[in-house]
Amino acid sequence: MLWLPPISLITGIIGDYLTDFVKPHLPLQ
């Protein structure tokens, strides 16, 4: 039986990763 972390944890990690990856490529708001 696989252990799946809460969706909030997954989205948090992915969100932080995507933010760090995309932010430098976005124009300044």
Protein backbone atom coordinates (compact mmCIF):
# COMPACT_ATOMS: atom_id res chain seq x y z
CA MET A 1 0.00 0.00 0.00
CA LEU A 2 1.52 3.26 -1.14
CA TRP A 3 1.59 6.24 1.19
CA LEU A 4 0.33 9.38 -0.48
CA PRO A 5 1.08 12.74 1.15
CA PRO A 6 -1.76 15.26 1.46
CA ILE A 7 -2.59 17.18 -1.71
CA SER A 8 -1.75 20.40 0.11
CA LEU A 9 1.79 19.12 0.73
CA ILE A 10 2.24 18.08 -2.90
CA THR A 11 0.93 21.36 -4.27
CA GLY A 12 3.06 23.28 -1.77
CA ILE A 13 6.28 21.58 -2.88
CA ILE A 14 5.41 21.80 -6.58
CA GLY A 15 4.25 25.38 -6.15
CA ASP A 16 7.52 26.42 -4.51
CA TYR A 17 9.50 24.63 -7.23
CA LEU A 18 7.51 26.21 -10.06
CA THR A 19 7.70 29.63 -8.41
CA ASP A 20 11.49 29.42 -8.16
CA PHE A 21 11.69 28.21 -11.76
CA VAL A 22 9.24 30.66 -13.35
CA LYS A 23 9.72 33.83 -11.30
CA PRO A 24 13.06 34.83 -12.94
CA HIS A 25 11.38 34.57 -16.36
CA LEU A 26 8.40 36.77 -15.49
CA PRO A 27 8.43 40.53 -16.10
CA LEU A 28 8.39 42.65 -12.97
CA GLN A 29 4.87 43.32 -11.81
